[in-house]
Amino acid sequence: MGIIEAKIKEHKIIPVIAIEKMDDVLPLADSLTEGGLPLIEITFRTKIAPEAIKLLQKERPEMLIGAGTVLTNDELELAIDNGAAFGVAPGFNPKIVEEALKNNFFFMPGILTPSDLEAALSMGINVFKFFPAEAAGGVTYLKSLSAPYTHKNIQFIPTGGINIKNLKDYLNLDEVLAVGGTWLAKKAEIESGLWEMILEKCQTAKSLVSLNN
């Protein structure tokens, strides 16, 4: 297991963030870290994502900083150039995976079907985003999907519909490395500067993870 994978496994939860204003980047990062989650996936759903990653890499290098919703090779290049440690996509695009592998960049494509999984496996990928987790059938579906492949040492990061109520259900699965969570810092909470609320939500989630270990 590599360093990045090990760090993700240690914390079990990746805060998935869409951020609109640069002024919010550092306060948000500090709330996540103080809440026990010193890692972040900044999605490319907003224009400032590359700049936010660059700022965090410079000012909060102790954090594990990733890029999410990486849909094109141009976005992949931006993620790498601005210092992201890992990349995530909602789906499986072999062209992006190939480019990530060429750059020795830790990349987790999204999968939903056995065909997706086998195609990614054939390229040497064994850590996948499982998306949209709850809409696709949740824990029951993921257990069925992963069963024929457990001997391949595959790991999943379920994302989509994960929350404080179902968090432990996913983490109880051996094949789940961590979960991705948008509930930890919602858009309205970030825009309102509710840093203490975000910190407390992280602490609550971390306490459940600790009980799960």
N, C-alpha and C. Protein backbone atom coordinates (compact mmCIF):
# COMPACT_ATOMS: atom_id res chain seq x y z
N MET A 1 0.85 -1.20 0.00
CA MET A 1 0.00 0.00 0.00
C MET A 1 0.88 1.24 0.00
N GLY A 2 0.58 2.16 -0.91
CA GLY A 2 1.36 3.39 -1.01
C GLY A 2 1.03 4.39 0.09
N ILE A 3 1.82 5.46 0.13
CA ILE A 3 1.66 6.47 1.18
C ILE A 3 0.29 7.13 1.12
N ILE A 4 -0.15 7.50 -0.07
CA ILE A 4 -1.43 8.20 -0.20
C ILE A 4 -2.58 7.29 0.22
N GLU A 5 -2.55 6.08 -0.28
CA GLU A 5 -3.59 5.11 0.08
C GLU A 5 -3.62 4.88 1.58
N ALA A 6 -2.44 4.79 2.19
CA ALA A 6 -2.35 4.56 3.63
C ALA A 6 -2.93 5.73 4.43
N LYS A 7 -2.68 6.95 3.97
CA LYS A 7 -3.22 8.13 4.66
C LYS A 7 -4.74 8.17 4.56
N ILE A 8 -5.26 7.82 3.39
CA ILE A 8 -6.71 7.78 3.21
C ILE A 8 -7.32 6.73 4.13
N LYS A 9 -6.70 5.56 4.19
CA LYS A 9 -7.18 4.48 5.04
C LYS A 9 -7.14 4.89 6.51
N GLU A 10 -6.13 5.64 6.90
CA GLU A 10 -5.99 6.08 8.28
C GLU A 10 -7.18 6.92 8.73
N HIS A 11 -7.63 7.82 7.85
CA HIS A 11 -8.69 8.76 8.24
C HIS A 11 -10.09 8.29 7.88
N LYS A 12 -10.21 7.41 6.89
CA LYS A 12 -11.47 6.74 6.54
C LYS A 12 -12.52 7.63 5.89
N ILE A 13 -12.34 8.93 5.95
CA ILE A 13 -13.32 9.86 5.38
C ILE A 13 -12.56 10.93 4.59
N ILE A 14 -13.00 11.16 3.36
CA ILE A 14 -12.44 12.25 2.56
C ILE A 14 -13.51 13.32 2.41
N PRO A 15 -13.32 14.50 2.99
CA PRO A 15 -14.26 15.59 2.74
C PRO A 15 -14.21 16.00 1.26
N VAL A 16 -15.37 15.98 0.62
CA VAL A 16 -15.47 16.33 -0.81
C VAL A 16 -16.07 17.73 -0.88
N ILE A 17 -15.30 18.65 -1.45
CA ILE A 17 -15.64 20.07 -1.34
C ILE A 17 -15.74 20.75 -2.71
N ALA A 18 -16.81 21.50 -2.90
CA ALA A 18 -16.92 22.43 -4.03
C ALA A 18 -16.88 23.83 -3.44
N ILE A 19 -15.82 24.55 -3.73
CA ILE A 19 -15.61 25.85 -3.08
C ILE A 19 -15.61 26.96 -4.11
N GLU A 20 -16.24 28.08 -3.76
CA GLU A 20 -16.44 29.17 -4.72
C GLU A 20 -15.52 30.36 -4.51
N LYS A 21 -15.04 30.58 -3.26
CA LYS A 21 -14.26 31.78 -2.97
C LYS A 21 -12.92 31.42 -2.35
N MET A 22 -11.88 32.07 -2.84
CA MET A 22 -10.54 31.80 -2.32
C MET A 22 -10.42 32.16 -0.85
N ASP A 23 -11.15 33.17 -0.41
CA ASP A 23 -11.08 33.58 0.99
C ASP A 23 -11.54 32.47 1.95
N ASP A 24 -12.31 31.52 1.42
CA ASP A 24 -12.83 30.46 2.27
C ASP A 24 -11.91 29.24 2.34
N VAL A 25 -10.91 29.19 1.48
CA VAL A 25 -10.10 27.97 1.35
C VAL A 25 -9.36 27.63 2.64
N LEU A 26 -8.60 28.57 3.17
CA LEU A 26 -7.79 28.28 4.36
C LEU A 26 -8.63 28.09 5.62
N PRO A 27 -9.66 28.93 5.87
CA PRO A 27 -10.49 28.68 7.04
C PRO A 27 -11.17 27.31 6.99
N LEU A 28 -11.60 26.91 5.80
CA LEU A 28 -12.22 25.60 5.65
C LEU A 28 -11.22 24.50 5.95
N ALA A 29 -10.04 24.61 5.37
CA ALA A 29 -8.99 23.61 5.59
C ALA A 29 -8.67 23.48 7.08
N ASP A 30 -8.61 24.60 7.77
CA ASP A 30 -8.30 24.58 9.20
C ASP A 30 -9.42 23.92 10.01
N SER A 31 -10.66 24.16 9.61
CA SER A 31 -11.78 23.52 10.31
C SER A 31 -11.75 22.00 10.12
N LEU A 32 -11.46 21.56 8.91
CA LEU A 32 -11.38 20.12 8.64
C LEU A 32 -10.26 19.49 9.46
N THR A 33 -9.10 20.15 9.44
CA THR A 33 -7.94 19.61 10.14
C THR A 33 -8.15 19.57 11.64
N GLU A 34 -8.66 20.67 12.20
CA GLU A 34 -8.91 20.71 13.64
C GLU A 34 -9.99 19.72 14.05
N GLY A 35 -10.87 19.40 13.10
CA GLY A 35 -11.91 18.41 13.37
C GLY A 35 -11.43 16.98 13.22
N GLY A 36 -10.15 16.82 12.87
CA GLY A 36 -9.57 15.49 12.78
C GLY A 36 -9.47 14.91 11.39
N LEU A 37 -9.76 15.74 10.37
CA LEU A 37 -9.71 15.25 8.99
C LEU A 37 -8.78 16.15 8.16
N PRO A 38 -7.47 15.89 8.22
CA PRO A 38 -6.51 16.73 7.49
C PRO A 38 -6.32 16.28 6.04
N LEU A 39 -7.44 16.11 5.35
CA LEU A 39 -7.40 15.75 3.94
C LEU A 39 -8.63 16.33 3.26
N ILE A 40 -8.53 16.50 1.94
CA ILE A 40 -9.59 17.19 1.23
C ILE A 40 -9.56 16.82 -0.25
N GLU A 41 -10.75 16.70 -0.82
CA GLU A 41 -10.90 16.54 -2.27
C GLU A 41 -11.60 17.78 -2.79
N ILE A 42 -10.85 18.62 -3.50
CA ILE A 42 -11.43 19.84 -4.07
C ILE A 42 -11.91 19.53 -5.48
N THR A 43 -13.19 19.62 -5.69
CA THR A 43 -13.74 19.22 -6.98
C THR A 43 -13.56 20.32 -8.03
N PHE A 44 -13.40 19.88 -9.25
CA PHE A 44 -13.26 20.81 -10.37
C PHE A 44 -14.62 21.27 -10.89
N ARG A 45 -15.58 21.34 -9.99
CA ARG A 45 -16.90 21.87 -10.35
C ARG A 45 -16.97 23.38 -10.20
N THR A 46 -15.91 23.97 -9.67
CA THR A 46 -15.85 25.43 -9.59
C THR A 46 -14.55 25.92 -10.25
N LYS A 47 -14.57 27.15 -10.68
CA LYS A 47 -13.45 27.70 -11.45
C LYS A 47 -12.17 27.85 -10.62
N ILE A 48 -12.33 28.03 -9.33
CA ILE A 48 -11.15 28.32 -8.51
C ILE A 48 -10.43 27.05 -8.03
N ALA A 49 -10.93 25.89 -8.41
CA ALA A 49 -10.37 24.64 -7.89
C ALA A 49 -8.85 24.54 -8.04
N PRO A 50 -8.29 24.78 -9.23
CA PRO A 50 -6.83 24.66 -9.36
C PRO A 50 -6.08 25.63 -8.45
N GLU A 51 -6.58 26.86 -8.36
CA GLU A 51 -5.95 27.88 -7.51
C GLU A 51 -6.06 27.50 -6.04
N ALA A 52 -7.21 26.92 -5.67
CA ALA A 52 -7.41 26.50 -4.28
C ALA A 52 -6.44 25.38 -3.91
N ILE A 53 -6.24 24.45 -4.82
CA ILE A 53 -5.29 23.36 -4.58
C ILE A 53 -3.88 23.91 -4.42
N LYS A 54 -3.53 24.85 -5.28
CA LYS A 54 -2.19 25.46 -5.23
C LYS A 54 -1.97 26.18 -3.90
N LEU A 55 -2.99 26.91 -3.45
CA LEU A 55 -2.89 27.64 -2.19
C LEU A 55 -2.71 26.68 -1.01
N LEU A 56 -3.49 25.63 -1.00
CA LEU A 56 -3.39 24.66 0.09
C LEU A 56 -2.03 23.96 0.09
N GLN A 57 -1.54 23.64 -1.08
CA GLN A 57 -0.25 22.98 -1.17
C GLN A 57 0.85 23.88 -0.59
N LYS A 58 0.69 25.18 -0.80
CA LYS A 58 1.68 26.13 -0.30
C LYS A 58 1.51 26.42 1.19
N GLU A 59 0.27 26.65 1.62
CA GLU A 59 0.01 27.13 2.98
C GLU A 59 -0.34 26.02 3.98
N ARG A 60 -0.83 24.89 3.49
CA ARG A 60 -1.20 23.78 4.39
C ARG A 60 -0.64 22.48 3.83
N PRO A 61 0.68 22.41 3.66
CA PRO A 61 1.30 21.24 3.03
C PRO A 61 1.14 19.96 3.83
N GLU A 62 0.78 20.08 5.10
CA GLU A 62 0.58 18.88 5.93
C GLU A 62 -0.70 18.16 5.57
N MET A 63 -1.60 18.82 4.85
CA MET A 63 -2.84 18.19 4.42
C MET A 63 -2.60 17.29 3.21
N LEU A 64 -3.45 16.28 3.09
CA LEU A 64 -3.47 15.46 1.88
C LEU A 64 -4.51 16.08 0.95
N ILE A 65 -4.04 16.63 -0.15
CA ILE A 65 -4.89 17.45 -1.02
C ILE A 65 -5.12 16.74 -2.35
N GLY A 66 -6.39 16.54 -2.67
CA GLY A 66 -6.74 15.87 -3.91
C GLY A 66 -7.63 16.72 -4.79
N ALA A 67 -7.74 16.30 -6.04
CA ALA A 67 -8.60 16.97 -7.01
C ALA A 67 -9.73 16.02 -7.40
N GLY A 68 -10.96 16.52 -7.35
CA GLY A 68 -12.11 15.70 -7.70
C GLY A 68 -12.79 16.16 -8.97
N THR A 69 -13.69 15.33 -9.47
CA THR A 69 -14.43 15.60 -10.71
C THR A 69 -13.46 15.94 -11.85
N VAL A 70 -12.41 15.15 -11.96
CA VAL A 70 -11.42 15.34 -13.03
C VAL A 70 -11.95 14.65 -14.27
N LEU A 71 -12.43 15.44 -15.24
CA LEU A 71 -13.15 14.90 -16.39
C LEU A 71 -12.37 14.95 -17.70
N THR A 72 -11.28 15.71 -17.73
CA THR A 72 -10.51 15.86 -18.97
C THR A 72 -9.02 15.77 -18.66
N ASN A 73 -8.24 15.55 -19.70
CA ASN A 73 -6.79 15.53 -19.52
C ASN A 73 -6.26 16.92 -19.14
N ASP A 74 -6.93 17.96 -19.60
CA ASP A 74 -6.53 19.32 -19.21
C ASP A 74 -6.71 19.52 -17.72
N GLU A 75 -7.82 19.04 -17.17
CA GLU A 75 -8.06 19.16 -15.73
C GLU A 75 -7.07 18.29 -14.96
N LEU A 76 -6.74 17.14 -15.50
CA LEU A 76 -5.74 16.28 -14.87
C LEU A 76 -4.40 17.01 -14.79
N GLU A 77 -4.03 17.66 -15.87
CA GLU A 77 -2.77 18.41 -15.91
C GLU A 77 -2.78 19.55 -14.89
N LEU A 78 -3.92 20.24 -14.79
CA LEU A 78 -4.05 21.31 -13.80
C LEU A 78 -3.91 20.78 -12.38
N ALA A 79 -4.51 19.64 -12.13
CA ALA A 79 -4.43 19.03 -10.79
C ALA A 79 -2.98 18.72 -10.44
N ILE A 80 -2.28 18.11 -11.37
CA ILE A 80 -0.88 17.74 -11.13
C ILE A 80 -0.01 18.97 -10.98
N ASP A 81 -0.17 19.92 -11.90
CA ASP A 81 0.68 21.12 -11.90
C ASP A 81 0.49 21.97 -10.66
N ASN A 82 -0.70 21.93 -10.07
CA ASN A 82 -0.97 22.76 -8.90
C ASN A 82 -0.76 22.03 -7.58
N GLY A 83 -0.25 20.81 -7.65
CA GLY A 83 0.19 20.14 -6.43
C GLY A 83 -0.74 19.14 -5.81
N ALA A 84 -1.79 18.72 -6.52
CA ALA A 84 -2.67 17.70 -5.95
C ALA A 84 -1.90 16.40 -5.77
N ALA A 85 -2.20 15.70 -4.68
CA ALA A 85 -1.54 14.42 -4.41
C ALA A 85 -2.29 13.26 -5.05
N PHE A 86 -3.57 13.46 -5.32
CA PHE A 86 -4.36 12.40 -5.94
C PHE A 86 -5.50 13.02 -6.74
N GLY A 87 -6.08 12.21 -7.61
CA GLY A 87 -7.20 12.66 -8.41
C GLY A 87 -8.33 11.65 -8.37
N VAL A 88 -9.55 12.16 -8.57
CA VAL A 88 -10.75 11.33 -8.52
C VAL A 88 -11.68 11.74 -9.66
N ALA A 89 -12.36 10.76 -10.24
CA ALA A 89 -13.35 11.05 -11.28
C ALA A 89 -14.63 10.30 -10.96
N PRO A 90 -15.78 10.82 -11.39
CA PRO A 90 -17.04 10.12 -11.13
C PRO A 90 -17.22 8.89 -12.02
N GLY A 91 -16.51 8.85 -13.14
CA GLY A 91 -16.62 7.73 -14.06
C GLY A 91 -15.26 7.22 -14.50
N PHE A 92 -15.29 6.20 -15.37
CA PHE A 92 -14.06 5.59 -15.87
C PHE A 92 -13.81 6.04 -17.30
N ASN A 93 -12.77 6.87 -17.47
CA ASN A 93 -12.35 7.33 -18.80
C ASN A 93 -10.93 6.80 -19.01
N PRO A 94 -10.75 5.80 -19.87
CA PRO A 94 -9.42 5.19 -20.01
C PRO A 94 -8.33 6.16 -20.46
N LYS A 95 -8.71 7.20 -21.20
CA LYS A 95 -7.71 8.18 -21.65
C LYS A 95 -7.13 8.94 -20.46
N ILE A 96 -7.98 9.31 -19.52
CA ILE A 96 -7.51 10.03 -18.35
C ILE A 96 -6.70 9.11 -17.44
N VAL A 97 -7.16 7.88 -17.28
CA VAL A 97 -6.42 6.92 -16.46
C VAL A 97 -5.04 6.68 -17.05
N GLU A 98 -4.98 6.53 -18.36
CA GLU A 98 -3.70 6.31 -19.03
C GLU A 98 -2.74 7.47 -18.79
N GLU A 99 -3.26 8.69 -18.88
CA GLU A 99 -2.42 9.87 -18.67
C GLU A 99 -1.96 9.96 -17.22
N ALA A 100 -2.84 9.63 -16.29
CA ALA A 100 -2.48 9.64 -14.87
C ALA A 100 -1.37 8.63 -14.60
N LEU A 101 -1.48 7.46 -15.18
CA LEU A 101 -0.46 6.43 -15.00
C LEU A 101 0.89 6.87 -15.57
N LYS A 102 0.86 7.54 -16.71
CA LYS A 102 2.09 8.04 -17.31
C LYS A 102 2.81 9.02 -16.38
N ASN A 103 2.01 9.77 -15.61
CA ASN A 103 2.56 10.77 -14.71
C ASN A 103 2.77 10.24 -13.29
N ASN A 104 2.58 8.93 -13.10
CA ASN A 104 2.70 8.33 -11.76
C ASN A 104 1.83 9.07 -10.75
N PHE A 105 0.64 9.43 -11.18
CA PHE A 105 -0.29 10.20 -10.37
C PHE A 105 -1.38 9.28 -9.84
N PHE A 106 -1.55 9.26 -8.51
CA PHE A 106 -2.53 8.37 -7.89
C PHE A 106 -3.94 8.81 -8.28
N PHE A 107 -4.62 7.96 -9.04
CA PHE A 107 -5.91 8.34 -9.61
C PHE A 107 -6.95 7.26 -9.35
N MET A 108 -8.13 7.70 -8.91
CA MET A 108 -9.22 6.79 -8.60
C MET A 108 -10.41 7.07 -9.50
N PRO A 109 -10.58 6.29 -10.55
CA PRO A 109 -11.74 6.49 -11.43
C PRO A 109 -13.01 5.96 -10.78
N GLY A 110 -14.13 6.50 -11.21
CA GLY A 110 -15.40 6.01 -10.71
C GLY A 110 -15.85 4.78 -11.47
N ILE A 111 -16.42 3.83 -10.73
CA ILE A 111 -16.98 2.64 -11.37
C ILE A 111 -18.37 2.38 -10.79
N LEU A 112 -19.19 1.68 -11.59
CA LEU A 112 -20.54 1.35 -11.15
C LEU A 112 -20.93 -0.07 -11.54
N THR A 113 -20.25 -0.64 -12.52
CA THR A 113 -20.62 -1.97 -13.03
C THR A 113 -19.39 -2.88 -13.05
N PRO A 114 -19.60 -4.21 -13.17
CA PRO A 114 -18.48 -5.12 -13.34
C PRO A 114 -17.62 -4.77 -14.56
N SER A 115 -18.25 -4.32 -15.61
CA SER A 115 -17.49 -3.96 -16.82
C SER A 115 -16.56 -2.78 -16.55
N ASP A 116 -17.06 -1.77 -15.83
CA ASP A 116 -16.21 -0.64 -15.44
C ASP A 116 -15.03 -1.14 -14.63
N LEU A 117 -15.33 -1.97 -13.66
CA LEU A 117 -14.31 -2.45 -12.73
C LEU A 117 -13.23 -3.25 -13.47
N GLU A 118 -13.65 -4.14 -14.35
CA GLU A 118 -12.69 -4.97 -15.07
C GLU A 118 -11.84 -4.14 -16.03
N ALA A 119 -12.45 -3.14 -16.64
CA ALA A 119 -11.68 -2.28 -17.55
C ALA A 119 -10.61 -1.52 -16.79
N ALA A 120 -10.96 -1.02 -15.61
CA ALA A 120 -9.99 -0.30 -14.79
C ALA A 120 -8.92 -1.25 -14.24
N LEU A 121 -9.33 -2.43 -13.82
CA LEU A 121 -8.38 -3.43 -13.34
C LEU A 121 -7.35 -3.78 -14.41
N SER A 122 -7.81 -3.86 -15.66
CA SER A 122 -6.91 -4.22 -16.75
C SER A 122 -5.83 -3.19 -16.98
N MET A 123 -6.05 -1.96 -16.46
CA MET A 123 -5.06 -0.90 -16.59
C MET A 123 -4.20 -0.76 -15.33
N GLY A 124 -4.43 -1.64 -14.38
CA GLY A 124 -3.60 -1.63 -13.17
C GLY A 124 -4.17 -0.83 -12.02
N ILE A 125 -5.44 -0.42 -12.12
CA ILE A 125 -6.09 0.34 -11.05
C ILE A 125 -6.76 -0.64 -10.09
N ASN A 126 -6.58 -0.42 -8.78
CA ASN A 126 -7.28 -1.28 -7.83
C ASN A 126 -7.97 -0.50 -6.70
N VAL A 127 -7.95 0.82 -6.78
CA VAL A 127 -8.73 1.66 -5.86
C VAL A 127 -9.70 2.48 -6.70
N PHE A 128 -10.97 2.34 -6.40
CA PHE A 128 -12.02 2.94 -7.22
C PHE A 128 -12.95 3.81 -6.40
N LYS A 129 -13.44 4.86 -7.02
CA LYS A 129 -14.57 5.58 -6.47
C LYS A 129 -15.83 4.79 -6.86
N PHE A 130 -16.71 4.53 -5.90
CA PHE A 130 -17.99 3.89 -6.19
C PHE A 130 -19.05 4.97 -6.14
N PHE A 131 -19.59 5.30 -7.31
CA PHE A 131 -20.47 6.47 -7.42
C PHE A 131 -21.55 6.21 -8.48
N PRO A 132 -22.80 6.66 -8.20
CA PRO A 132 -23.31 7.28 -6.97
C PRO A 132 -23.75 6.18 -6.00
N ALA A 133 -23.12 6.12 -4.88
CA ALA A 133 -23.23 4.97 -3.98
C ALA A 133 -24.66 4.65 -3.56
N GLU A 134 -25.33 5.56 -2.91
CA GLU A 134 -26.66 5.26 -2.40
C GLU A 134 -27.68 5.09 -3.52
N ALA A 135 -27.62 5.93 -4.52
CA ALA A 135 -28.57 5.84 -5.64
C ALA A 135 -28.44 4.53 -6.40
N ALA A 136 -27.23 3.97 -6.40
CA ALA A 136 -26.98 2.73 -7.14
C ALA A 136 -27.41 1.48 -6.38
N GLY A 137 -27.69 1.62 -5.11
CA GLY A 137 -28.09 0.45 -4.33
C GLY A 137 -27.34 0.30 -3.03
N GLY A 138 -26.43 1.23 -2.75
CA GLY A 138 -25.77 1.28 -1.46
C GLY A 138 -24.91 0.08 -1.12
N VAL A 139 -24.88 -0.24 0.17
CA VAL A 139 -24.02 -1.29 0.69
C VAL A 139 -24.36 -2.65 0.06
N THR A 140 -25.64 -2.93 -0.09
CA THR A 140 -26.05 -4.23 -0.65
C THR A 140 -25.50 -4.41 -2.06
N TYR A 141 -25.63 -3.38 -2.87
CA TYR A 141 -25.12 -3.47 -4.24
C TYR A 141 -23.60 -3.58 -4.26
N LEU A 142 -22.93 -2.80 -3.44
CA LEU A 142 -21.47 -2.82 -3.42
C LEU A 142 -20.94 -4.18 -3.00
N LYS A 143 -21.59 -4.82 -2.03
CA LYS A 143 -21.17 -6.16 -1.60
C LYS A 143 -21.30 -7.15 -2.75
N SER A 144 -22.38 -7.05 -3.50
CA SER A 144 -22.59 -7.96 -4.63
C SER A 144 -21.59 -7.68 -5.76
N LEU A 145 -21.35 -6.42 -6.01
CA LEU A 145 -20.42 -6.03 -7.07
C LEU A 145 -19.01 -6.50 -6.77
N SER A 146 -18.58 -6.34 -5.54
CA SER A 146 -17.18 -6.62 -5.21
C SER A 146 -16.89 -8.11 -5.00
N ALA A 147 -17.92 -8.89 -4.71
CA ALA A 147 -17.72 -10.29 -4.32
C ALA A 147 -16.85 -11.10 -5.29
N PRO A 148 -17.04 -11.01 -6.61
CA PRO A 148 -16.23 -11.83 -7.51
C PRO A 148 -14.78 -11.37 -7.64
N TYR A 149 -14.47 -10.23 -7.07
CA TYR A 149 -13.15 -9.62 -7.29
C TYR A 149 -12.31 -9.47 -6.01
N THR A 150 -12.78 -10.00 -4.91
CA THR A 150 -12.07 -9.76 -3.64
C THR A 150 -10.63 -10.29 -3.68
N HIS A 151 -10.39 -11.33 -4.46
CA HIS A 151 -9.04 -11.89 -4.55
C HIS A 151 -8.09 -10.96 -5.30
N LYS A 152 -8.62 -9.90 -5.90
CA LYS A 152 -7.81 -8.93 -6.64
C LYS A 152 -7.35 -7.77 -5.75
N ASN A 153 -7.67 -7.84 -4.46
CA ASN A 153 -7.26 -6.79 -3.51
C ASN A 153 -7.77 -5.41 -3.92
N ILE A 154 -9.03 -5.36 -4.32
CA ILE A 154 -9.62 -4.09 -4.72
C ILE A 154 -10.14 -3.33 -3.51
N GLN A 155 -10.19 -2.01 -3.64
CA GLN A 155 -10.69 -1.13 -2.59
C GLN A 155 -11.59 -0.07 -3.21
N PHE A 156 -12.60 0.33 -2.45
CA PHE A 156 -13.57 1.31 -2.94
C PHE A 156 -13.64 2.52 -2.02
N ILE A 157 -13.96 3.66 -2.63
CA ILE A 157 -14.31 4.85 -1.87
C ILE A 157 -15.73 5.25 -2.30
N PRO A 158 -16.73 4.74 -1.60
CA PRO A 158 -18.11 5.10 -1.94
C PRO A 158 -18.36 6.59 -1.72
N THR A 159 -19.05 7.19 -2.66
CA THR A 159 -19.37 8.62 -2.58
C THR A 159 -20.74 8.83 -3.21
N GLY A 160 -21.50 9.71 -2.63
CA GLY A 160 -22.83 10.00 -3.15
C GLY A 160 -23.90 9.47 -2.22
N GLY A 161 -24.45 10.35 -1.41
CA GLY A 161 -25.49 9.95 -0.46
C GLY A 161 -24.95 9.43 0.86
N ILE A 162 -23.62 9.51 1.06
CA ILE A 162 -23.06 9.09 2.34
C ILE A 162 -23.32 10.18 3.37
N ASN A 163 -23.66 9.76 4.57
CA ASN A 163 -23.92 10.73 5.64
C ASN A 163 -23.62 10.08 7.00
N ILE A 164 -23.88 10.82 8.04
CA ILE A 164 -23.53 10.35 9.38
C ILE A 164 -24.33 9.10 9.77
N LYS A 165 -25.49 8.89 9.14
CA LYS A 165 -26.34 7.76 9.48
C LYS A 165 -25.88 6.45 8.84
N ASN A 166 -25.33 6.53 7.62
CA ASN A 166 -24.95 5.29 6.93
C ASN A 166 -23.43 5.10 6.82
N LEU A 167 -22.69 6.03 7.38
CA LEU A 167 -21.23 6.00 7.31
C LEU A 167 -20.66 4.66 7.76
N LYS A 168 -21.08 4.19 8.92
CA LYS A 168 -20.52 2.96 9.48
C LYS A 168 -20.90 1.73 8.66
N ASP A 169 -22.06 1.76 8.03
CA ASP A 169 -22.47 0.62 7.20
C ASP A 169 -21.46 0.37 6.08
N TYR A 170 -20.98 1.45 5.49
CA TYR A 170 -19.98 1.31 4.42
C TYR A 170 -18.62 0.92 4.98
N LEU A 171 -18.22 1.55 6.06
CA LEU A 171 -16.89 1.29 6.62
C LEU A 171 -16.77 -0.11 7.21
N ASN A 172 -17.90 -0.76 7.46
CA ASN A 172 -17.86 -2.14 7.95
C ASN A 172 -17.45 -3.13 6.86
N LEU A 173 -17.49 -2.71 5.60
CA LEU A 173 -17.09 -3.59 4.50
C LEU A 173 -15.58 -3.60 4.36
N ASP A 174 -15.00 -4.77 4.28
CA ASP A 174 -13.55 -4.89 4.16
C ASP A 174 -13.02 -4.21 2.90
N GLU A 175 -13.84 -4.18 1.86
CA GLU A 175 -13.39 -3.62 0.58
C GLU A 175 -13.46 -2.10 0.53
N VAL A 176 -13.98 -1.47 1.57
CA VAL A 176 -14.10 -0.01 1.59
C VAL A 176 -12.88 0.59 2.28
N LEU A 177 -12.11 1.34 1.49
CA LEU A 177 -10.92 2.02 2.01
C LEU A 177 -11.31 3.23 2.84
N ALA A 178 -12.28 3.99 2.34
CA ALA A 178 -12.77 5.21 2.98
C ALA A 178 -14.07 5.58 2.28
N VAL A 179 -14.72 6.61 2.77
CA VAL A 179 -15.89 7.14 2.10
C VAL A 179 -15.63 8.61 1.75
N GLY A 180 -16.30 9.07 0.72
CA GLY A 180 -16.26 10.48 0.37
C GLY A 180 -17.50 11.17 0.90
N GLY A 181 -17.29 12.33 1.53
CA GLY A 181 -18.43 12.99 2.17
C GLY A 181 -18.59 14.44 1.80
N THR A 182 -19.72 14.78 1.19
CA THR A 182 -20.04 16.18 0.93
C THR A 182 -20.81 16.79 2.10
N TRP A 183 -21.33 15.93 2.98
CA TRP A 183 -22.16 16.44 4.08
C TRP A 183 -21.34 17.20 5.12
N LEU A 184 -20.04 16.99 5.13
CA LEU A 184 -19.20 17.60 6.16
C LEU A 184 -19.09 19.11 6.03
N ALA A 185 -19.14 19.59 4.80
CA ALA A 185 -19.02 21.04 4.57
C ALA A 185 -19.85 21.39 3.34
N LYS A 186 -21.10 21.69 3.57
CA LYS A 186 -22.00 22.00 2.47
C LYS A 186 -21.77 23.43 1.97
N LYS A 187 -22.20 23.65 0.75
CA LYS A 187 -21.96 24.94 0.09
C LYS A 187 -22.45 26.11 0.94
N ALA A 188 -23.67 26.01 1.44
CA ALA A 188 -24.24 27.11 2.23
C ALA A 188 -23.46 27.34 3.52
N GLU A 189 -22.98 26.26 4.12
CA GLU A 189 -22.20 26.38 5.36
C GLU A 189 -20.86 27.07 5.11
N ILE A 190 -20.23 26.72 3.98
CA ILE A 190 -18.96 27.36 3.64
C ILE A 190 -19.18 28.84 3.35
N GLU A 191 -20.20 29.14 2.56
CA GLU A 191 -20.47 30.53 2.20
C GLU A 191 -20.85 31.38 3.41
N SER A 192 -21.42 30.75 4.42
CA SER A 192 -21.81 31.48 5.64
C SER A 192 -20.70 31.50 6.69
N GLY A 193 -19.58 30.84 6.37
CA GLY A 193 -18.45 30.84 7.30
C GLY A 193 -18.73 30.09 8.59
N LEU A 194 -19.49 29.01 8.51
CA LEU A 194 -19.85 28.26 9.71
C LEU A 194 -18.74 27.25 10.03
N TRP A 195 -17.58 27.77 10.33
CA TRP A 195 -16.39 26.92 10.51
C TRP A 195 -16.50 26.03 11.73
N GLU A 196 -17.10 26.54 12.79
CA GLU A 196 -17.25 25.74 14.01
C GLU A 196 -18.20 24.58 13.77
N MET A 197 -19.26 24.82 13.03
CA MET A 197 -20.21 23.75 12.71
C MET A 197 -19.52 22.66 11.89
N ILE A 198 -18.72 23.07 10.91
CA ILE A 198 -18.00 22.11 10.08
C ILE A 198 -17.01 21.31 10.92
N LEU A 199 -16.30 22.00 11.79
CA LEU A 199 -15.35 21.34 12.70
C LEU A 199 -16.07 20.28 13.54
N GLU A 200 -17.21 20.64 14.10
CA GLU A 200 -17.94 19.71 14.96
C GLU A 200 -18.46 18.52 14.17
N LYS A 201 -18.89 18.73 12.92
CA LYS A 201 -19.34 17.61 12.11
C LYS A 201 -18.19 16.65 11.81
N CYS A 202 -17.01 17.20 11.59
CA CYS A 202 -15.83 16.36 11.37
C CYS A 202 -15.52 15.55 12.62
N GLN A 203 -15.59 16.18 13.77
CA GLN A 203 -15.32 15.49 15.03
C GLN A 203 -16.31 14.35 15.26
N THR A 204 -17.57 14.61 14.97
CA THR A 204 -18.59 13.58 15.13
C THR A 204 -18.32 12.39 14.22
N ALA A 205 -17.99 12.69 12.97
CA ALA A 205 -17.69 11.62 12.01
C ALA A 205 -16.47 10.83 12.43
N LYS A 206 -15.44 11.54 12.88
CA LYS A 206 -14.22 10.87 13.32
C LYS A 206 -14.47 9.98 14.54
N SER A 207 -15.35 10.40 15.42
CA SER A 207 -15.64 9.59 16.60
C SER A 207 -16.32 8.28 16.20
N LEU A 208 -17.15 8.31 15.17
CA LEU A 208 -17.76 7.09 14.68
C LEU A 208 -16.73 6.18 14.04
N VAL A 209 -15.80 6.77 13.33
CA VAL A 209 -14.73 5.99 12.72
C VAL A 209 -13.89 5.31 13.78
N SER A 210 -13.61 6.03 14.85
CA SER A 210 -12.81 5.46 15.95
C SER A 210 -13.53 4.29 16.59
N LEU A 211 -14.84 4.41 16.75
CA LEU A 211 -15.62 3.31 17.33
C LEU A 211 -15.66 2.12 16.41
N ASN A 212 -15.53 2.39 15.10
CA ASN A 212 -15.60 1.34 14.10
C ASN A 212 -14.34 0.52 14.02
N ASN A 213 -13.21 1.09 14.50
CA ASN A 213 -11.92 0.40 14.38
C ASN A 213 -11.75 -0.67 15.47
